[in-house]
Amino acid sequence: GVDIAWVNTGMRFGVGVTFGNSIDNGICDIFLGLNITR
């Protein structure tokens, strides 16, 4: 099965803050919806 934790990547300081609030805290193992911008 699949379980999704919903986050907000449109925060003022970008995706990095969202990483800290979610995947860094062990809430999920995969972070979806990213573009490789270089």
All heavy atoms as atom14 arrays in JSON, in Angstrom:
{
  "sequence": "GVDIAWVNTGMRFGVGVTFGNSIDNGICDIFLGLNITR",
  "atom14_mask": [
    [1, 1, 1, 1, 0, 0, 0, 0, 0, 0, 0, 0, 0, 0],
    [1, 1, 1, 1, 1, 1, 1, 0, 0, 0, 0, 0, 0, 0],
    [1, 1, 1, 1, 1, 1, 1, 1, 0, 0, 0, 0, 0, 0],
    [1, 1, 1, 1, 1, 1, 1, 1, 0, 0, 0, 0, 0, 0],
    [1, 1, 1, 1, 1, 0, 0, 0, 0, 0, 0, 0, 0, 0],
    [1, 1, 1, 1, 1, 1, 1, 1, 1, 1, 1, 1, 1, 1],
    [1, 1, 1, 1, 1, 1, 1, 0, 0, 0, 0, 0, 0, 0],
    [1, 1, 1, 1, 1, 1, 1, 1, 0, 0, 0, 0, 0, 0],
    [1, 1, 1, 1, 1, 1, 1, 0, 0, 0, 0, 0, 0, 0],
    [1, 1, 1, 1, 0, 0, 0, 0, 0, 0, 0, 0, 0, 0],
    [1, 1, 1, 1, 1, 1, 1, 1, 0, 0, 0, 0, 0, 0],
    [1, 1, 1, 1, 1, 1, 1, 1, 1, 1, 1, 0, 0, 0],
    [1, 1, 1, 1, 1, 1, 1, 1, 1, 1, 1, 0, 0, 0],
    [1, 1, 1, 1, 0, 0, 0, 0, 0, 0, 0, 0, 0, 0],
    [1, 1, 1, 1, 1, 1, 1, 0, 0, 0, 0, 0, 0, 0],
    [1, 1, 1, 1, 0, 0, 0, 0, 0, 0, 0, 0, 0, 0],
    [1, 1, 1, 1, 1, 1, 1, 0, 0, 0, 0, 0, 0, 0],
    [1, 1, 1, 1, 1, 1, 1, 0, 0, 0, 0, 0, 0, 0],
    [1, 1, 1, 1, 1, 1, 1, 1, 1, 1, 1, 0, 0, 0],
    [1, 1, 1, 1, 0, 0, 0, 0, 0, 0, 0, 0, 0, 0],
    [1, 1, 1, 1, 1, 1, 1, 1, 0, 0, 0, 0, 0, 0],
    [1, 1, 1, 1, 1, 1, 0, 0, 0, 0, 0, 0, 0, 0],
    [1, 1, 1, 1, 1, 1, 1, 1, 0, 0, 0, 0, 0, 0],
    [1, 1, 1, 1, 1, 1, 1, 1, 0, 0, 0, 0, 0, 0],
    [1, 1, 1, 1, 1, 1, 1, 1, 0, 0, 0, 0, 0, 0],
    [1, 1, 1, 1, 0, 0, 0, 0, 0, 0, 0, 0, 0, 0],
    [1, 1, 1, 1, 1, 1, 1, 1, 0, 0, 0, 0, 0, 0],
    [1, 1, 1, 1, 1, 1, 0, 0, 0, 0, 0, 0, 0, 0],
    [1, 1, 1, 1, 1, 1, 1, 1, 0, 0, 0, 0, 0, 0],
    [1, 1, 1, 1, 1, 1, 1, 1, 0, 0, 0, 0, 0, 0],
    [1, 1, 1, 1, 1, 1, 1, 1, 1, 1, 1, 0, 0, 0],
    [1, 1, 1, 1, 1, 1, 1, 1, 0, 0, 0, 0, 0, 0],
    [1, 1, 1, 1, 0, 0, 0, 0, 0, 0, 0, 0, 0, 0],
    [1, 1, 1, 1, 1, 1, 1, 1, 0, 0, 0, 0, 0, 0],
    [1, 1, 1, 1, 1, 1, 1, 1, 0, 0, 0, 0, 0, 0],
    [1, 1, 1, 1, 1, 1, 1, 1, 0, 0, 0, 0, 0, 0],
    [1, 1, 1, 1, 1, 1, 1, 0, 0, 0, 0, 0, 0, 0],
    [1, 1, 1, 1, 1, 1, 1, 1, 1, 1, 1, 0, 0, 0]
  ],
  "atom14_positions": [
    [[0.83, -1.19, 0.0], [0.0, 0.0, 0.0], [0.87, 1.25, 0.0], [2.09, 1.18, 0.08], [0.0, 0.0, 0.0], [0.0, 0.0, 0.0], [0.0, 0.0, 0.0], [0.0, 0.0, 0.0], [0.0, 0.0, 0.0], [0.0, 0.0, 0.0], [0.0, 0.0, 0.0], [0.0, 0.0, 0.0], [0.0, 0.0, 0.0], [0.0, 0.0, 0.0]],
    [[0.22, 2.4, -0.06], [0.91, 3.69, -0.08], [0.25, 4.62, 0.92], [-0.98, 4.72, 0.97], [0.86, 4.33, -1.49], [1.34, 5.78, -1.45], [1.71, 3.53, -2.47], [0.0, 0.0, 0.0], [0.0, 0.0, 0.0], [0.0, 0.0, 0.0], [0.0, 0.0, 0.0], [0.0, 0.0, 0.0], [0.0, 0.0, 0.0], [0.0, 0.0, 0.0]],
    [[1.06, 5.3, 1.73], [0.57, 6.32, 2.64], [1.33, 7.61, 2.36], [2.56, 7.61, 2.25], [0.77, 5.91, 4.1], [-0.25, 4.87, 4.54], [-1.4, 4.93, 4.04], [0.09, 4.01, 5.36], [0.0, 0.0, 0.0], [0.0, 0.0, 0.0], [0.0, 0.0, 0.0], [0.0, 0.0, 0.0], [0.0, 0.0, 0.0], [0.0, 0.0, 0.0]],
    [[0.59, 8.71, 2.28], [1.17, 10.01, 1.94], [1.06, 10.97, 3.11], [-0.01, 11.13, 3.69], [0.48, 10.63, 0.71], [0.51, 9.67, -0.48], [1.12, 11.96, 0.34], [1.88, 9.38, -1.02], [0.0, 0.0, 0.0], [0.0, 0.0, 0.0], [0.0, 0.0, 0.0], [0.0, 0.0, 0.0], [0.0, 0.0, 0.0], [0.0, 0.0, 0.0]],
    [[2.18, 11.61, 3.45], [2.17, 12.74, 4.39], [2.2, 14.01, 3.56], [3.12, 14.22, 2.77], [3.38, 12.67, 5.32], [0.0, 0.0, 0.0], [0.0, 0.0, 0.0], [0.0, 0.0, 0.0], [0.0, 0.0, 0.0], [0.0, 0.0, 0.0], [0.0, 0.0, 0.0], [0.0, 0.0, 0.0], [0.0, 0.0, 0.0], [0.0, 0.0, 0.0]],
    [[1.18, 14.86, 3.72], [1.07, 16.06, 2.88], [1.9, 17.2, 3.46], [1.85, 17.48, 4.65], [-0.39, 16.47, 2.76], [-1.24, 15.4, 2.13], [-2.2, 14.65, 2.75], [-1.18, 14.95, 0.78], [-2.74, 13.75, 1.85], [-2.13, 13.91, 0.64], [-0.41, 15.32, -0.33], [-2.34, 13.26, -0.57], [-0.63, 14.65, -1.53], [-1.59, 13.64, -1.64]],
    [[2.65, 17.84, 2.58], [3.53, 18.93, 2.98], [3.29, 20.12, 2.06], [2.54, 20.04, 1.08], [5.01, 18.51, 2.93], [5.28, 17.39, 3.91], [5.41, 18.08, 1.51], [0.0, 0.0, 0.0], [0.0, 0.0, 0.0], [0.0, 0.0, 0.0], [0.0, 0.0, 0.0], [0.0, 0.0, 0.0], [0.0, 0.0, 0.0], [0.0, 0.0, 0.0]],
    [[3.94, 21.23, 2.37], [3.8, 22.45, 1.58], [5.18, 22.88, 1.09], [5.97, 23.41, 1.85], [3.15, 23.55, 2.42], [3.0, 24.86, 1.65], [3.19, 24.89, 0.44], [2.66, 25.92, 2.35], [0.0, 0.0, 0.0], [0.0, 0.0, 0.0], [0.0, 0.0, 0.0], [0.0, 0.0, 0.0], [0.0, 0.0, 0.0], [0.0, 0.0, 0.0]],
    [[5.46, 22.65, -0.19], [6.77, 23.01, -0.73], [6.82, 24.47, -1.17], [7.87, 24.94, -1.61], [7.12, 22.12, -1.94], [6.1, 22.26, -2.94], [7.22, 20.67, -1.51], [0.0, 0.0, 0.0], [0.0, 0.0, 0.0], [0.0, 0.0, 0.0], [0.0, 0.0, 0.0], [0.0, 0.0, 0.0], [0.0, 0.0, 0.0], [0.0, 0.0, 0.0]],
    [[5.7, 25.17, -1.07], [5.68, 26.58, -1.46], [6.01, 27.51, -0.32], [5.62, 28.68, -0.34], [0.0, 0.0, 0.0], [0.0, 0.0, 0.0], [0.0, 0.0, 0.0], [0.0, 0.0, 0.0], [0.0, 0.0, 0.0], [0.0, 0.0, 0.0], [0.0, 0.0, 0.0], [0.0, 0.0, 0.0], [0.0, 0.0, 0.0], [0.0, 0.0, 0.0]],
    [[6.71, 27.01, 0.69], [7.05, 27.84, 1.84], [8.09, 28.89, 1.46], [8.8, 28.77, 0.45], [7.57, 26.97, 2.98], [6.54, 25.96, 3.49], [7.21, 24.84, 4.72], [7.46, 25.96, 6.08], [0.0, 0.0, 0.0], [0.0, 0.0, 0.0], [0.0, 0.0, 0.0], [0.0, 0.0, 0.0], [0.0, 0.0, 0.0], [0.0, 0.0, 0.0]],
    [[8.22, 29.9, 2.3], [9.07, 31.05, 1.99], [10.52, 30.65, 1.72], [11.15, 31.18, 0.82], [8.99, 32.05, 3.15], [9.85, 33.28, 2.95], [9.73, 34.22, 4.13], [10.59, 35.37, 3.98], [10.76, 36.31, 4.93], [10.11, 36.2, 6.08], [11.56, 37.33, 4.71], [0.0, 0.0, 0.0], [0.0, 0.0, 0.0], [0.0, 0.0, 0.0]],
    [[11.05, 29.71, 2.49], [12.46, 29.36, 2.34], [12.67, 28.08, 1.54], [13.72, 27.47, 1.6], [13.11, 29.24, 3.73], [13.09, 30.53, 4.49], [12.21, 30.73, 5.53], [13.94, 31.57, 4.13], [12.18, 31.92, 6.22], [13.92, 32.77, 4.82], [13.04, 32.95, 5.87], [0.0, 0.0, 0.0], [0.0, 0.0, 0.0], [0.0, 0.0, 0.0]],
    [[11.66, 27.68, 0.78], [11.84, 26.62, -0.2], [11.72, 25.21, 0.33], [11.33, 24.96, 1.47], [0.0, 0.0, 0.0], [0.0, 0.0, 0.0], [0.0, 0.0, 0.0], [0.0, 0.0, 0.0], [0.0, 0.0, 0.0], [0.0, 0.0, 0.0], [0.0, 0.0, 0.0], [0.0, 0.0, 0.0], [0.0, 0.0, 0.0], [0.0, 0.0, 0.0]],
    [[12.09, 24.28, -0.57], [11.92, 22.86, -0.3], [12.78, 22.41, 0.88], [12.4, 21.49, 1.6], [12.27, 22.05, -1.57], [12.19, 20.56, -1.29], [11.32, 22.42, -2.7], [0.0, 0.0, 0.0], [0.0, 0.0, 0.0], [0.0, 0.0, 0.0], [0.0, 0.0, 0.0], [0.0, 0.0, 0.0], [0.0, 0.0, 0.0], [0.0, 0.0, 0.0]],
    [[13.92, 23.05, 1.08], [14.81, 22.63, 2.16], [14.13, 22.61, 3.51], [14.33, 21.69, 4.32], [0.0, 0.0, 0.0], [0.0, 0.0, 0.0], [0.0, 0.0, 0.0], [0.0, 0.0, 0.0], [0.0, 0.0, 0.0], [0.0, 0.0, 0.0], [0.0, 0.0, 0.0], [0.0, 0.0, 0.0], [0.0, 0.0, 0.0], [0.0, 0.0, 0.0]],
    [[13.31, 23.63, 3.79], [12.58, 23.67, 5.05], [11.62, 22.5, 5.14], [11.47, 21.88, 6.2], [11.82, 25.01, 5.19], [10.95, 25.0, 6.44], [12.8, 26.17, 5.23], [0.0, 0.0, 0.0], [0.0, 0.0, 0.0], [0.0, 0.0, 0.0], [0.0, 0.0, 0.0], [0.0, 0.0, 0.0], [0.0, 0.0, 0.0], [0.0, 0.0, 0.0]],
    [[10.99, 22.17, 4.03], [10.04, 21.06, 4.02], [10.74, 19.74, 4.28], [10.21, 18.86, 4.96], [9.3, 21.0, 2.67], [8.88, 22.31, 2.31], [8.1, 20.11, 2.75], [0.0, 0.0, 0.0], [0.0, 0.0, 0.0], [0.0, 0.0, 0.0], [0.0, 0.0, 0.0], [0.0, 0.0, 0.0], [0.0, 0.0, 0.0], [0.0, 0.0, 0.0]],
    [[11.94, 19.57, 3.72], [12.73, 18.37, 4.03], [12.95, 18.25, 5.54], [12.81, 17.18, 6.13], [14.09, 18.44, 3.35], [14.06, 18.2, 1.87], [15.1, 18.61, 1.06], [12.98, 17.56, 1.27], [15.09, 18.39, -0.3], [12.95, 17.34, -0.09], [14.0, 17.75, -0.88], [0.0, 0.0, 0.0], [0.0, 0.0, 0.0], [0.0, 0.0, 0.0]],
    [[13.34, 19.36, 6.16], [13.63, 19.34, 7.59], [12.43, 18.97, 8.42], [12.55, 18.32, 9.47], [0.0, 0.0, 0.0], [0.0, 0.0, 0.0], [0.0, 0.0, 0.0], [0.0, 0.0, 0.0], [0.0, 0.0, 0.0], [0.0, 0.0, 0.0], [0.0, 0.0, 0.0], [0.0, 0.0, 0.0], [0.0, 0.0, 0.0], [0.0, 0.0, 0.0]],
    [[11.23, 19.37, 7.96], [10.01, 19.11, 8.73], [9.42, 17.72, 8.47], [8.51, 17.3, 9.17], [8.94, 20.16, 8.4], [9.33, 21.53, 8.9], [10.14, 21.66, 9.8], [8.77, 22.56, 8.28], [0.0, 0.0, 0.0], [0.0, 0.0, 0.0], [0.0, 0.0, 0.0], [0.0, 0.0, 0.0], [0.0, 0.0, 0.0], [0.0, 0.0, 0.0]],
    [[9.92, 17.04, 7.47], [9.26, 15.79, 7.09], [10.24, 14.62, 7.0], [10.33, 13.81, 7.93], [8.53, 15.97, 5.75], [9.45, 16.39, 4.74], [0.0, 0.0, 0.0], [0.0, 0.0, 0.0], [0.0, 0.0, 0.0], [0.0, 0.0, 0.0], [0.0, 0.0, 0.0], [0.0, 0.0, 0.0], [0.0, 0.0, 0.0], [0.0, 0.0, 0.0]],
    [[11.01, 14.56, 5.93], [11.84, 13.38, 5.7], [12.97, 13.3, 6.73], [13.38, 12.22, 7.13], [12.38, 13.38, 4.25], [12.8, 11.96, 3.85], [13.48, 14.39, 4.06], [13.02, 11.8, 2.35], [0.0, 0.0, 0.0], [0.0, 0.0, 0.0], [0.0, 0.0, 0.0], [0.0, 0.0, 0.0], [0.0, 0.0, 0.0], [0.0, 0.0, 0.0]],
    [[13.48, 14.46, 7.18], [14.53, 14.44, 8.21], [14.0, 13.89, 9.53], [14.76, 13.34, 10.33], [15.09, 15.84, 8.43], [16.03, 16.26, 7.3], [16.32, 15.42, 6.43], [16.46, 17.42, 7.28], [0.0, 0.0, 0.0], [0.0, 0.0, 0.0], [0.0, 0.0, 0.0], [0.0, 0.0, 0.0], [0.0, 0.0, 0.0], [0.0, 0.0, 0.0]],
    [[12.71, 14.06, 9.77], [12.11, 13.59, 11.02], [11.57, 12.17, 10.93], [10.88, 11.71, 11.83], [10.98, 14.53, 11.44], [11.5, 15.88, 11.91], [12.64, 16.0, 12.36], [10.66, 16.91, 11.81], [0.0, 0.0, 0.0], [0.0, 0.0, 0.0], [0.0, 0.0, 0.0], [0.0, 0.0, 0.0], [0.0, 0.0, 0.0], [0.0, 0.0, 0.0]],
    [[11.86, 11.49, 9.82], [11.42, 10.11, 9.69], [9.95, 9.94, 9.38], [9.4, 8.85, 9.55], [0.0, 0.0, 0.0], [0.0, 0.0, 0.0], [0.0, 0.0, 0.0], [0.0, 0.0, 0.0], [0.0, 0.0, 0.0], [0.0, 0.0, 0.0], [0.0, 0.0, 0.0], [0.0, 0.0, 0.0], [0.0, 0.0, 0.0], [0.0, 0.0, 0.0]],
    [[9.29, 11.0, 8.93], [7.87, 10.9, 8.61], [7.66, 10.1, 7.33], [6.66, 9.42, 7.15], [7.25, 12.31, 8.49], [7.24, 12.99, 9.87], [5.85, 12.26, 7.91], [6.74, 14.4, 9.86], [0.0, 0.0, 0.0], [0.0, 0.0, 0.0], [0.0, 0.0, 0.0], [0.0, 0.0, 0.0], [0.0, 0.0, 0.0], [0.0, 0.0, 0.0]],
    [[8.62, 10.19, 6.4], [8.5, 9.47, 5.14], [9.88, 9.06, 4.66], [10.9, 9.55, 5.16], [7.78, 10.32, 4.08], [8.58, 11.92, 3.79], [0.0, 0.0, 0.0], [0.0, 0.0, 0.0], [0.0, 0.0, 0.0], [0.0, 0.0, 0.0], [0.0, 0.0, 0.0], [0.0, 0.0, 0.0], [0.0, 0.0, 0.0], [0.0, 0.0, 0.0]],
    [[9.91, 8.16, 3.67], [11.16, 7.68, 3.11], [11.43, 8.25, 1.72], [12.57, 8.21, 1.25], [11.15, 6.15, 3.02], [11.1, 5.5, 4.4], [11.9, 5.92, 5.27], [10.28, 4.6, 4.61], [0.0, 0.0, 0.0], [0.0, 0.0, 0.0], [0.0, 0.0, 0.0], [0.0, 0.0, 0.0], [0.0, 0.0, 0.0], [0.0, 0.0, 0.0]],
    [[10.39, 8.75, 1.05], [10.51, 9.27, -0.32], [9.83, 10.62, -0.38], [8.73, 10.79, 0.15], [9.89, 8.32, -1.34], [10.44, 6.9, -1.2], [10.09, 8.82, -2.77], [9.71, 5.87, -2.05], [0.0, 0.0, 0.0], [0.0, 0.0, 0.0], [0.0, 0.0, 0.0], [0.0, 0.0, 0.0], [0.0, 0.0, 0.0], [0.0, 0.0, 0.0]],
    [[10.47, 11.57, -1.04], [9.89, 12.9, -1.23], [9.57, 13.06, -2.71], [10.47, 13.07, -3.55], [10.87, 13.98, -0.77], [10.2, 15.28, -0.43], [9.98, 15.64, 0.89], [9.79, 16.15, -1.43], [9.36, 16.84, 1.21], [9.18, 17.34, -1.13], [8.96, 17.69, 0.2], [0.0, 0.0, 0.0], [0.0, 0.0, 0.0], [0.0, 0.0, 0.0]],
    [[8.28, 13.2, -3.04], [7.83, 13.24, -4.43], [7.86, 14.66, -4.99], [7.97, 15.64, -4.26], [6.41, 12.68, -4.54], [6.13, 11.31, -3.91], [4.7, 10.89, -4.2], [7.1, 10.27, -4.4], [0.0, 0.0, 0.0], [0.0, 0.0, 0.0], [0.0, 0.0, 0.0], [0.0, 0.0, 0.0], [0.0, 0.0, 0.0], [0.0, 0.0, 0.0]],
    [[7.73, 14.74, -6.33], [7.47, 16.02, -6.97], [8.64, 16.98, -7.07], [8.45, 18.19, -6.92], [0.0, 0.0, 0.0], [0.0, 0.0, 0.0], [0.0, 0.0, 0.0], [0.0, 0.0, 0.0], [0.0, 0.0, 0.0], [0.0, 0.0, 0.0], [0.0, 0.0, 0.0], [0.0, 0.0, 0.0], [0.0, 0.0, 0.0], [0.0, 0.0, 0.0]],
    [[9.84, 16.49, -7.35], [11.02, 17.36, -7.42], [11.52, 17.47, -8.86], [11.35, 16.55, -9.67], [12.14, 16.83, -6.53], [11.8, 16.67, -5.04], [13.0, 16.11, -4.29], [11.37, 18.01, -4.44], [0.0, 0.0, 0.0], [0.0, 0.0, 0.0], [0.0, 0.0, 0.0], [0.0, 0.0, 0.0], [0.0, 0.0, 0.0], [0.0, 0.0, 0.0]],
    [[12.12, 18.61, -9.18], [12.79, 18.81, -10.46], [14.28, 19.0, -10.21], [14.67, 19.68, -9.25], [12.23, 20.03, -11.18], [10.86, 19.78, -11.76], [10.61, 18.75, -12.38], [9.94, 20.71, -11.55], [0.0, 0.0, 0.0], [0.0, 0.0, 0.0], [0.0, 0.0, 0.0], [0.0, 0.0, 0.0], [0.0, 0.0, 0.0], [0.0, 0.0, 0.0]],
    [[15.1, 18.41, -11.05], [16.55, 18.56, -10.93], [16.94, 19.84, -11.67], [17.02, 19.87, -12.9], [17.27, 17.34, -11.52], [16.79, 16.06, -10.83], [18.78, 17.49, -11.36], [17.37, 14.79, -11.42], [0.0, 0.0, 0.0], [0.0, 0.0, 0.0], [0.0, 0.0, 0.0], [0.0, 0.0, 0.0], [0.0, 0.0, 0.0], [0.0, 0.0, 0.0]],
    [[17.14, 20.91, -10.92], [17.39, 22.21, -11.52], [18.88, 22.52, -11.66], [19.23, 23.55, -12.21], [16.75, 23.32, -10.68], [17.35, 23.33, -9.38], [15.25, 23.08, -10.55], [0.0, 0.0, 0.0], [0.0, 0.0, 0.0], [0.0, 0.0, 0.0], [0.0, 0.0, 0.0], [0.0, 0.0, 0.0], [0.0, 0.0, 0.0], [0.0, 0.0, 0.0]],
    [[19.72, 21.67, -11.14], [21.18, 21.87, -11.11], [21.58, 22.99, -10.16], [22.73, 23.42, -10.15], [21.73, 22.16, -12.52], [21.25, 21.21, -13.6], [21.59, 19.76, -13.32], [23.01, 19.5, -13.25], [23.79, 19.35, -14.32], [23.28, 19.39, -15.53], [25.08, 19.12, -14.17], [0.0, 0.0, 0.0], [0.0, 0.0, 0.0], [0.0, 0.0, 0.0]]
  ]
}
